[in-house]
């Protein structure tokens, strides 16, 4: 990973607390630019990690393979982190996530049978899509929106270019992402077909109980997205006290803990699965 103007501050009570017990407490990182392999934050921001407790024995060469790096779950809080236009266009993580969501939407539309909008636009039920570009656009009528471009491939191998425009909003305490004004354009151009998907199929995304978005703003003039969010991470090998409420279900990252939206992706469970937590 790479950074620019990175400043890190810890509120650990003492050096002995860190060296002997691994108690880092809260660590706050401010940056002008932060870049990982598949995600970039080039507009600056702050990330704070709380309840950090290291297993200091994990740094001993003979024990590192057998001792967990982190001894307890911890919380990551992003404050006013800015994704620039270039970040949206080049971050593989964003394109992959939107491609997966788009294909799940296609499968659900196909399952609607005779009422499926796919029949109207002549897309077969085995079609799959891939996202190539994500960017911010500033439409005069609809205001600032996110635009997603890509290709739909039918089961016969023919391809159909598409563009999606949507706003972004949050609900249910920040656990659910909404897509107001979601509109799909097939074959963008003079002979394009416009599908007002927000009127035909409700698309909302549940992030799970361990993740929430406090603020998301699309800035059409600067062509960027400003985001504040919180997620709880449970490192591998540590039993998580998963929030359970009535109607809860346990499953993979795409399983909804509570049925709050038409689609779900458990961000906390996904981050837990990443190797960096070890």
C-alpha atoms as a PDB file:
ATOM      1  CA  UNK A   1       0.000   0.000   0.000  1.00  0.00           C
ATOM      2  CA  UNK A   2       1.073   3.602  -0.587  1.00  0.00           C
ATOM      3  CA  UNK A   3       0.342   6.926   1.047  1.00  0.00           C
ATOM      4  CA  UNK A   4       0.983  10.657   0.931  1.00  0.00           C
ATOM      5  CA  UNK A   5       1.214  12.881   3.998  1.00  0.00           C
ATOM      6  CA  UNK A   6       0.260  10.051   6.336  1.00  0.00           C
ATOM      7  CA  UNK A   7       0.173  10.998  10.033  1.00  0.00           C
ATOM      8  CA  UNK A   8      -0.510   8.372  12.708  1.00  0.00           C
ATOM      9  CA  UNK A   9      -1.287   9.023  16.363  1.00  0.00           C
ATOM     10  CA  UNK A  10      -1.965   6.482  19.117  1.00  0.00           C
ATOM     11  CA  UNK A  11      -3.528   7.118  22.519  1.00  0.00           C
ATOM     12  CA  UNK A  12      -1.784   4.128  24.117  1.00  0.00           C
ATOM     13  CA  UNK A  13      -1.337   4.860  27.828  1.00  0.00           C
ATOM     14  CA  UNK A  14       2.362   3.940  27.900  1.00  0.00           C
ATOM     15  CA  UNK A  15       5.136   2.158  26.027  1.00  0.00           C
ATOM     16  CA  UNK A  16       4.971  -0.698  28.495  1.00  0.00           C
ATOM     17  CA  UNK A  17       1.271  -1.166  27.740  1.00  0.00           C
ATOM     18  CA  UNK A  18       2.193  -1.575  24.071  1.00  0.00           C
ATOM     19  CA  UNK A  19       5.329  -3.683  24.465  1.00  0.00           C
ATOM     20  CA  UNK A  20       4.107  -5.988  27.234  1.00  0.00           C
ATOM     21  CA  UNK A  21       0.374  -6.234  26.670  1.00  0.00           C
ATOM     22  CA  UNK A  22      -0.072  -5.010  23.085  1.00  0.00           C
ATOM     23  CA  UNK A  23      -2.643  -2.402  24.138  1.00  0.00           C
ATOM     24  CA  UNK A  24      -2.621   0.152  21.329  1.00  0.00           C
ATOM     25  CA  UNK A  25      -5.983   1.599  22.301  1.00  0.00           C
ATOM     26  CA  UNK A  26      -7.109   3.992  19.592  1.00  0.00           C
ATOM     27  CA  UNK A  27      -4.982   4.756  16.533  1.00  0.00           C
ATOM     28  CA  UNK A  28      -5.867   7.691  14.259  1.00  0.00           C
ATOM     29  CA  UNK A  29      -4.464   8.064  10.754  1.00  0.00           C
ATOM     30  CA  UNK A  30      -4.949  11.191   8.639  1.00  0.00           C
ATOM     31  CA  UNK A  31      -3.774  11.251   5.039  1.00  0.00           C
ATOM     32  CA  UNK A  32      -3.854  13.184   1.790  1.00  0.00           C
ATOM     33  CA  UNK A  33      -3.763   9.981  -0.261  1.00  0.00           C
ATOM     34  CA  UNK A  34      -4.038   6.308   0.648  1.00  0.00           C
ATOM     35  CA  UNK A  35      -3.764   3.519  -1.913  1.00  0.00           C
ATOM     36  CA  UNK A  36      -4.220  -0.238  -1.551  1.00  0.00           C
ATOM     37  CA  UNK A  37      -3.975  -2.887  -4.254  1.00  0.00           C
ATOM     38  CA  UNK A  38      -7.647  -2.664  -5.255  1.00  0.00           C
ATOM     39  CA  UNK A  39      -8.925   0.528  -3.594  1.00  0.00           C
ATOM     40  CA  UNK A  40      -7.703   4.131  -3.661  1.00  0.00           C
ATOM     41  CA  UNK A  41      -8.612   7.146  -1.526  1.00  0.00           C
ATOM     42  CA  UNK A  42      -6.886  10.064  -3.222  1.00  0.00           C
ATOM     43  CA  UNK A  43      -8.942  12.932  -1.785  1.00  0.00           C
ATOM     44  CA  UNK A  44      -7.771  12.616   1.802  1.00  0.00           C
ATOM     45  CA  UNK A  45      -9.545  11.636   4.995  1.00  0.00           C
ATOM     46  CA  UNK A  46      -9.168  10.096   8.424  1.00  0.00           C
ATOM     47  CA  UNK A  47      -9.328   6.453   9.522  1.00  0.00           C
ATOM     48  CA  UNK A  48      -9.514   5.626  13.218  1.00  0.00           C
ATOM     49  CA  UNK A  49      -9.072   2.141  14.665  1.00  0.00           C
ATOM     50  CA  UNK A  50     -10.325   1.573  18.217  1.00  0.00           C
ATOM     51  CA  UNK A  51      -9.946  -1.293  20.704  1.00  0.00           C
ATOM     52  CA  UNK A  52      -6.690  -2.435  19.113  1.00  0.00           C
ATOM     53  CA  UNK A  53      -4.962  -5.201  21.057  1.00  0.00           C
ATOM     54  CA  UNK A  54      -1.885  -6.908  19.595  1.00  0.00           C
ATOM     55  CA  UNK A  55      -0.550 -10.304  20.554  1.00  0.00           C
ATOM     56  CA  UNK A  56       3.079  -9.217  20.981  1.00  0.00           C
ATOM     57  CA  UNK A  57       4.166 -12.866  20.848  1.00  0.00           C
ATOM     58  CA  UNK A  58       3.086 -12.947  17.188  1.00  0.00           C
ATOM     59  CA  UNK A  59       6.197 -10.902  16.329  1.00  0.00           C
ATOM     60  CA  UNK A  60       8.525 -13.595  17.698  1.00  0.00           C
ATOM     61  CA  UNK A  61       9.829 -15.459  14.603  1.00  0.00           C
ATOM     62  CA  UNK A  62       9.385 -18.894  16.163  1.00  0.00           C
ATOM     63  CA  UNK A  63       5.797 -18.158  17.273  1.00  0.00           C
ATOM     64  CA  UNK A  64       4.485 -15.890  14.511  1.00  0.00           C
ATOM     65  CA  UNK A  65       2.973 -18.756  12.524  1.00  0.00           C
ATOM     66  CA  UNK A  66       0.997 -20.057  15.484  1.00  0.00           C
ATOM     67  CA  UNK A  67      -0.114 -16.926  17.372  1.00  0.00           C
ATOM     68  CA  UNK A  68      -2.864 -14.601  16.165  1.00  0.00           C
ATOM     69  CA  UNK A  69      -1.739 -11.023  15.448  1.00  0.00           C
ATOM     70  CA  UNK A  70      -4.857  -9.443  16.996  1.00  0.00           C
ATOM     71  CA  UNK A  71      -6.343 -10.684  20.264  1.00  0.00           C
ATOM     72  CA  UNK A  72      -9.774  -8.979  20.087  1.00  0.00           C
ATOM     73  CA  UNK A  73     -12.234  -7.598  17.538  1.00  0.00           C
ATOM     74  CA  UNK A  74     -11.702  -3.939  16.676  1.00  0.00           C
ATOM     75  CA  UNK A  75     -13.556  -1.098  14.971  1.00  0.00           C
ATOM     76  CA  UNK A  76     -12.534   0.955  11.929  1.00  0.00           C
ATOM     77  CA  UNK A  77     -14.098   4.372  11.456  1.00  0.00           C
ATOM     78  CA  UNK A  78     -13.598   6.344   8.223  1.00  0.00           C
ATOM     79  CA  UNK A  79     -14.327  10.072   8.467  1.00  0.00           C
ATOM     80  CA  UNK A  80     -14.692  12.319   5.420  1.00  0.00           C
ATOM     81  CA  UNK A  81     -12.746   9.976   3.165  1.00  0.00           C
ATOM     82  CA  UNK A  82     -12.861  11.204  -0.430  1.00  0.00           C
ATOM     83  CA  UNK A  83     -12.953   9.043  -3.547  1.00  0.00           C
ATOM     84  CA  UNK A  84     -11.896  11.072  -6.579  1.00  0.00           C
ATOM     85  CA  UNK A  85     -13.005  10.450 -10.150  1.00  0.00           C
ATOM     86  CA  UNK A  86      -9.747   8.617 -10.792  1.00  0.00           C
ATOM     87  CA  UNK A  87     -10.290   6.439  -7.693  1.00  0.00           C
ATOM     88  CA  UNK A  88     -13.728   5.381  -8.930  1.00  0.00           C
ATOM     89  CA  UNK A  89     -12.377   4.572 -12.377  1.00  0.00           C
ATOM     90  CA  UNK A  90      -9.329   2.577 -11.258  1.00  0.00           C
ATOM     91  CA  UNK A  91     -10.350   0.807  -8.011  1.00  0.00           C
ATOM     92  CA  UNK A  92     -10.910  -2.869  -8.874  1.00  0.00           C
ATOM     93  CA  UNK A  93     -12.740  -3.458  -5.602  1.00  0.00           C
ATOM     94  CA  UNK A  94     -15.528  -1.056  -6.621  1.00  0.00           C
ATOM     95  CA  UNK A  95     -15.918  -2.521 -10.119  1.00  0.00           C
ATOM     96  CA  UNK A  96     -16.034  -6.092  -8.804  1.00  0.00           C
ATOM     97  CA  UNK A  97     -18.598  -5.243  -6.139  1.00  0.00           C
ATOM     98  CA  UNK A  98     -20.876  -3.506  -8.633  1.00  0.00           C
ATOM     99  CA  UNK A  99     -20.467  -6.349 -11.144  1.00  0.00           C
ATOM    100  CA  UNK A 100     -21.531  -8.890  -8.498  1.00  0.00           C
ATOM    101  CA  UNK A 101     -24.514  -6.765  -7.457  1.00  0.00           C
ATOM    102  CA  UNK A 102     -25.529  -6.225 -11.091  1.00  0.00           C
ATOM    103  CA  UNK A 103     -25.517  -9.956 -11.836  1.00  0.00           C
ATOM    104  CA  UNK A 104     -27.605 -10.669  -8.739  1.00  0.00           C
ATOM    105  CA  UNK A 105     -30.114  -8.072  -9.948  1.00  0.00           C
ATOM    106  CA  UNK A 106     -30.183  -9.737 -13.382  1.00  0.00           C
ATOM    107  CA  UNK A 107     -30.897 -13.137 -11.791  1.00  0.00           C
ATOM    108  CA  UNK A 108     -33.718 -11.687  -9.691  1.00  0.00           C
ATOM    109  CA  UNK A 109     -35.249  -9.946 -12.700  1.00  0.00           C
ATOM    110  CA  UNK A 110     -35.104 -13.204 -14.656  1.00  0.00           C
ATOM    111  CA  UNK A 111     -36.929 -14.995 -11.829  1.00  0.00           C
ATOM    112  CA  UNK A 112     -39.887 -12.617 -12.186  1.00  0.00           C
ATOM    113  CA  UNK A 113     -41.132 -14.705 -15.138  1.00  0.00           C
ATOM    114  CA  UNK A 114     -43.521 -13.045 -17.569  1.00  0.00           C
ATOM    115  CA  UNK A 115     -43.400  -9.811 -15.570  1.00  0.00           C
ATOM    116  CA  UNK A 116     -39.639  -9.491 -15.992  1.00  0.00           C
ATOM    117  CA  UNK A 117     -38.363  -6.223 -17.515  1.00  0.00           C
ATOM    118  CA  UNK A 118     -35.752  -8.354 -19.314  1.00  0.00           C
ATOM    119  CA  UNK A 119     -38.422  -9.530 -21.750  1.00  0.00           C
ATOM    120  CA  UNK A 120     -39.270  -5.947 -22.645  1.00  0.00           C
ATOM    121  CA  UNK A 121     -35.671  -5.116 -23.552  1.00  0.00           C
ATOM    122  CA  UNK A 122     -35.043  -8.553 -25.110  1.00  0.00           C
ATOM    123  CA  UNK A 123     -32.272  -9.741 -22.778  1.00  0.00           C
ATOM    124  CA  UNK A 124     -32.226 -13.501 -22.223  1.00  0.00           C
ATOM    125  CA  UNK A 125     -32.409 -14.930 -18.715  1.00  0.00           C
ATOM    126  CA  UNK A 126     -28.870 -16.327 -18.806  1.00  0.00           C
ATOM    127  CA  UNK A 127     -27.205 -12.992 -19.505  1.00  0.00           C
ATOM    128  CA  UNK A 128     -24.320 -11.692 -17.398  1.00  0.00           C
ATOM    129  CA  UNK A 129     -22.847  -8.226 -17.082  1.00  0.00           C
ATOM    130  CA  UNK A 130     -19.453  -6.740 -16.315  1.00  0.00           C
ATOM    131  CA  UNK A 131     -18.688  -3.209 -15.137  1.00  0.00           C
ATOM    132  CA  UNK A 132     -15.886  -1.353 -16.915  1.00  0.00           C
ATOM    133  CA  UNK A 133     -16.174   2.245 -15.669  1.00  0.00           C
ATOM    134  CA  UNK A 134     -17.533   4.034 -12.604  1.00  0.00           C
ATOM    135  CA  UNK A 135     -17.632   7.823 -12.430  1.00  0.00           C
ATOM    136  CA  UNK A 136     -19.482  10.837 -11.052  1.00  0.00           C
ATOM    137  CA  UNK A 137     -21.628  12.862 -13.461  1.00  0.00           C
ATOM    138  CA  UNK A 138     -23.529  16.078 -12.865  1.00  0.00           C
ATOM    139  CA  UNK A 139     -26.859  15.994 -14.698  1.00  0.00           C
ATOM    140  CA  UNK A 140     -28.815  19.233 -14.848  1.00  0.00           C
ATOM    141  CA  UNK A 141     -32.185  17.586 -14.145  1.00  0.00           C
ATOM    142  CA  UNK A 142     -31.194  14.838 -11.688  1.00  0.00           C
ATOM    143  CA  UNK A 143     -28.257  16.512  -9.957  1.00  0.00           C
ATOM    144  CA  UNK A 144     -25.020  14.697  -9.162  1.00  0.00           C
ATOM    145  CA  UNK A 145     -25.170  10.938  -9.728  1.00  0.00           C
ATOM    146  CA  UNK A 146     -22.934   7.911 -10.066  1.00  0.00           C
ATOM    147  CA  UNK A 147     -22.668   6.553 -13.609  1.00  0.00           C
ATOM    148  CA  UNK A 148     -21.725   2.924 -14.225  1.00  0.00           C
ATOM    149  CA  UNK A 149     -20.848   1.663 -17.705  1.00  0.00           C
ATOM    150  CA  UNK A 150     -20.291  -1.864 -18.889  1.00  0.00           C
ATOM    151  CA  UNK A 151     -21.351  -4.723 -21.124  1.00  0.00           C
ATOM    152  CA  UNK A 152     -24.167  -7.281 -20.905  1.00  0.00           C
ATOM    153  CA  UNK A 153     -23.275 -10.611 -22.539  1.00  0.00           C
ATOM    154  CA  UNK A 154     -26.146 -12.892 -23.567  1.00  0.00           C
ATOM    155  CA  UNK A 155     -26.007 -16.702 -23.493  1.00  0.00           C
ATOM    156  CA  UNK A 156     -25.498 -16.609 -27.288  1.00  0.00           C
ATOM    157  CA  UNK A 157     -22.398 -14.438 -26.876  1.00  0.00           C
ATOM    158  CA  UNK A 158     -23.772 -11.177 -28.240  1.00  0.00           C
ATOM    159  CA  UNK A 159     -22.929  -8.031 -26.263  1.00  0.00           C
ATOM    160  CA  UNK A 160     -25.033  -5.029 -25.309  1.00  0.00           C
ATOM    161  CA  UNK A 161     -23.408  -1.874 -23.887  1.00  0.00           C
ATOM    162  CA  UNK A 162     -25.213  -0.308 -20.947  1.00  0.00           C
ATOM    163  CA  UNK A 163     -25.041   2.696 -18.654  1.00  0.00           C
ATOM    164  CA  UNK A 164     -26.590   3.053 -15.203  1.00  0.00           C
ATOM    165  CA  UNK A 165     -27.201   6.327 -13.407  1.00  0.00           C
ATOM    166  CA  UNK A 166     -28.242   6.560  -9.782  1.00  0.00           C
ATOM    167  CA  UNK A 167     -28.096   8.664  -6.673  1.00  0.00           C
ATOM    168  CA  UNK A 168     -26.852   7.356  -3.312  1.00  0.00           C
ATOM    169  CA  UNK A 169     -28.604   7.496   0.060  1.00  0.00           C
ATOM    170  CA  UNK A 170     -28.629   5.547   3.324  1.00  0.00           C
ATOM    171  CA  UNK A 171     -31.414   4.297   5.595  1.00  0.00           C
ATOM    172  CA  UNK A 172     -32.027   2.081   8.626  1.00  0.00           C
ATOM    173  CA  UNK A 173     -29.323   3.679  10.745  1.00  0.00           C
ATOM    174  CA  UNK A 174     -26.826   3.646   7.882  1.00  0.00           C
ATOM    175  CA  UNK A 175     -26.982  -0.144   7.444  1.00  0.00           C
ATOM    176  CA  UNK A 176     -28.867   0.052   4.117  1.00  0.00           C
ATOM    177  CA  UNK A 177     -27.682   1.782   0.922  1.00  0.00           C
ATOM    178  CA  UNK A 178     -30.399   3.107  -1.374  1.00  0.00           C
ATOM    179  CA  UNK A 179     -30.161   3.976  -5.078  1.00  0.00           C
ATOM    180  CA  UNK A 180     -32.702   6.754  -5.770  1.00  0.00           C
ATOM    181  CA  UNK A 181     -33.595   7.392  -9.405  1.00  0.00           C
ATOM    182  CA  UNK A 182     -31.873   4.186 -10.579  1.00  0.00           C
ATOM    183  CA  UNK A 183     -32.084   4.172 -14.388  1.00  0.00           C
ATOM    184  CA  UNK A 184     -30.590   1.751 -16.919  1.00  0.00           C
ATOM    185  CA  UNK A 185     -29.805   2.721 -20.513  1.00  0.00           C
ATOM    186  CA  UNK A 186     -29.162  -0.049 -23.048  1.00  0.00           C
ATOM    187  CA  UNK A 187     -27.234   0.760 -26.236  1.00  0.00           C
ATOM    188  CA  UNK A 188     -26.580   4.386 -25.168  1.00  0.00           C
ATOM    189  CA  UNK A 189     -27.029   6.657 -28.166  1.00  0.00           C
ATOM    190  CA  UNK A 190     -29.725   7.729 -30.619  1.00  0.00           C
ATOM    191  CA  UNK A 191     -31.538   4.330 -30.496  1.00  0.00           C
ATOM    192  CA  UNK A 192     -31.083   3.704 -26.775  1.00  0.00           C
ATOM    193  CA  UNK A 193     -33.618   1.969 -24.545  1.00  0.00           C
ATOM    194  CA  UNK A 194     -34.217   3.502 -21.106  1.00  0.00           C
ATOM    195  CA  UNK A 195     -35.406   1.277 -18.250  1.00  0.00           C
ATOM    196  CA  UNK A 196     -36.576   3.176 -15.095  1.00  0.00           C
ATOM    197  CA  UNK A 197     -35.496   0.344 -12.801  1.00  0.00           C
ATOM    198  CA  UNK A 198     -36.414   2.262  -9.631  1.00  0.00           C
ATOM    199  CA  UNK A 199     -40.065   1.998 -10.713  1.00  0.00           C
ATOM    200  CA  UNK A 200     -39.930  -1.704 -11.632  1.00  0.00           C
ATOM    201  CA  UNK A 201     -37.688  -3.344  -9.047  1.00  0.00           C
ATOM    202  CA  UNK A 202     -36.629  -2.108  -5.613  1.00  0.00           C
ATOM    203  CA  UNK A 203     -32.839  -2.148  -5.277  1.00  0.00           C
ATOM    204  CA  UNK A 204     -31.389  -1.620  -1.793  1.00  0.00           C
ATOM    205  CA  UNK A 205     -28.220  -3.095  -0.282  1.00  0.00           C
ATOM    206  CA  UNK A 206     -27.937  -4.250   3.351  1.00  0.00           C
ATOM    207  CA  UNK A 207     -24.363  -3.869   4.642  1.00  0.00           C
ATOM    208  CA  UNK A 208     -24.931  -6.060   7.718  1.00  0.00           C
ATOM    209  CA  UNK A 209     -25.101  -5.257  11.408  1.00  0.00           C
ATOM    210  CA  UNK A 210     -21.366  -4.656  11.742  1.00  0.00           C
ATOM    211  CA  UNK A 211     -21.160  -1.877   9.135  1.00  0.00           C
ATOM    212  CA  UNK A 212     -22.942   1.438   8.733  1.00  0.00           C
ATOM    213  CA  UNK A 213     -22.557   4.588   6.648  1.00  0.00           C
ATOM    214  CA  UNK A 214     -22.889   7.864   8.502  1.00  0.00           C
ATOM    215  CA  UNK A 215     -22.636  10.087   5.439  1.00  0.00           C
ATOM    216  CA  UNK A 216     -22.331   9.718   1.688  1.00  0.00           C
ATOM    217  CA  UNK A 217     -22.265  12.743  -0.606  1.00  0.00           C
ATOM    218  CA  UNK A 218     -21.841  12.927  -4.374  1.00  0.00           C
ATOM    219  CA  UNK A 219     -20.100  16.135  -5.428  1.00  0.00           C
ATOM    220  CA  UNK A 220     -20.880  16.704  -9.083  1.00  0.00           C
ATOM    221  CA  UNK A 221     -18.716  19.824  -9.414  1.00  0.00           C
ATOM    222  CA  UNK A 222     -15.573  18.233  -7.996  1.00  0.00           C
ATOM    223  CA  UNK A 223     -16.447  14.793  -9.411  1.00  0.00           C
ATOM    224  CA  UNK A 224     -15.927  12.953  -6.139  1.00  0.00           C
ATOM    225  CA  UNK A 225     -17.706  11.042  -3.358  1.00  0.00           C
ATOM    226  CA  UNK A 226     -17.246  11.913   0.320  1.00  0.00           C
ATOM    227  CA  UNK A 227     -17.877   9.065   2.742  1.00  0.00           C
ATOM    228  CA  UNK A 228     -17.995   8.484   6.506  1.00  0.00           C
ATOM    229  CA  UNK A 229     -18.547   4.919   7.711  1.00  0.00           C
ATOM    230  CA  UNK A 230     -17.933   2.478  10.561  1.00  0.00           C
ATOM    231  CA  UNK A 231     -17.220  -1.259  10.461  1.00  0.00           C
ATOM    232  CA  UNK A 232     -16.409  -3.837  13.143  1.00  0.00           C
ATOM    233  CA  UNK A 233     -13.716  -6.368  12.214  1.00  0.00           C
ATOM    234  CA  UNK A 234     -13.252  -9.775  13.813  1.00  0.00           C
ATOM    235  CA  UNK A 235      -9.778 -11.153  12.952  1.00  0.00           C
ATOM    236  CA  UNK A 236      -9.486 -14.797  11.961  1.00  0.00           C
ATOM    237  CA  UNK A 237      -9.519 -17.291  14.790  1.00  0.00           C
ATOM    238  CA  UNK A 238     -11.557 -15.060  17.126  1.00  0.00           C
ATOM    239  CA  UNK A 239     -15.179 -15.934  17.799  1.00  0.00           C
ATOM    240  CA  UNK A 240     -17.412 -13.026  16.865  1.00  0.00           C
ATOM    241  CA  UNK A 241     -20.393 -12.099  18.953  1.00  0.00           C
ATOM    242  CA  UNK A 242     -22.625 -11.750  15.902  1.00  0.00           C
ATOM    243  CA  UNK A 243     -25.652  -9.531  16.503  1.00  0.00           C
ATOM    244  CA  UNK A 244     -28.764 -11.711  16.379  1.00  0.00           C
ATOM    245  CA  UNK A 245     -32.253 -10.412  16.191  1.00  0.00           C
ATOM    246  CA  UNK A 246     -35.541 -11.909  15.252  1.00  0.00           C
ATOM    247  CA  UNK A 247     -35.356 -13.378  11.765  1.00  0.00           C
ATOM    248  CA  UNK A 248     -31.560 -13.467  11.759  1.00  0.00           C
ATOM    249  CA  UNK A 249     -29.696 -15.859   9.494  1.00  0.00           C
ATOM    250  CA  UNK A 250     -26.034 -16.821   9.405  1.00  0.00           C
ATOM    251  CA  UNK A 251     -24.371 -17.306   6.027  1.00  0.00           C
ATOM    252  CA  UNK A 252     -21.621 -16.058   3.742  1.00  0.00           C
ATOM    253  CA  UNK A 253     -20.718 -12.490   2.998  1.00  0.00           C
ATOM    254  CA  UNK A 254     -23.718 -12.152   0.704  1.00  0.00           C
ATOM    255  CA  UNK A 255     -26.175 -13.419   3.321  1.00  0.00           C
ATOM    256  CA  UNK A 256     -28.424 -10.937   5.107  1.00  0.00           C
ATOM    257  CA  UNK A 257     -28.218 -11.008   8.900  1.00  0.00           C
ATOM    258  CA  UNK A 258     -31.617  -9.329   9.042  1.00  0.00           C
ATOM    259  CA  UNK A 259     -33.940  -8.892   6.077  1.00  0.00           C
ATOM    260  CA  UNK A 260     -33.727  -5.116   5.684  1.00  0.00           C
ATOM    261  CA  UNK A 261     -33.207  -4.841   1.923  1.00  0.00           C
ATOM    262  CA  UNK A 262     -33.646  -6.701  -1.362  1.00  0.00           C
ATOM    263  CA  UNK A 263     -29.897  -7.400  -1.516  1.00  0.00           C
ATOM    264  CA  UNK A 264     -27.205  -7.855   1.123  1.00  0.00           C
ATOM    265  CA  UNK A 265     -23.447  -7.958   1.516  1.00  0.00           C
ATOM    266  CA  UNK A 266     -21.996  -8.300   5.015  1.00  0.00           C
ATOM    267  CA  UNK A 267     -19.068  -5.849   4.976  1.00  0.00           C
ATOM    268  CA  UNK A 268     -17.883  -6.841   8.452  1.00  0.00           C
ATOM    269  CA  UNK A 269     -17.757 -10.521   7.527  1.00  0.00           C
ATOM    270  CA  UNK A 270     -15.962  -9.701   4.267  1.00  0.00           C
ATOM    271  CA  UNK A 271     -13.276  -7.626   6.001  1.00  0.00           C
ATOM    272  CA  UNK A 272     -12.845 -10.411   8.535  1.00  0.00           C
ATOM    273  CA  UNK A 273     -12.064 -12.793   5.665  1.00  0.00           C
ATOM    274  CA  UNK A 274      -9.228 -10.644   4.326  1.00  0.00           C
ATOM    275  CA  UNK A 275      -5.720 -11.798   5.100  1.00  0.00           C
ATOM    276  CA  UNK A 276      -4.608  -8.372   6.384  1.00  0.00           C
ATOM    277  CA  UNK A 277      -6.527  -8.959   9.617  1.00  0.00           C
ATOM    278  CA  UNK A 278      -3.926 -11.589  10.466  1.00  0.00           C
END
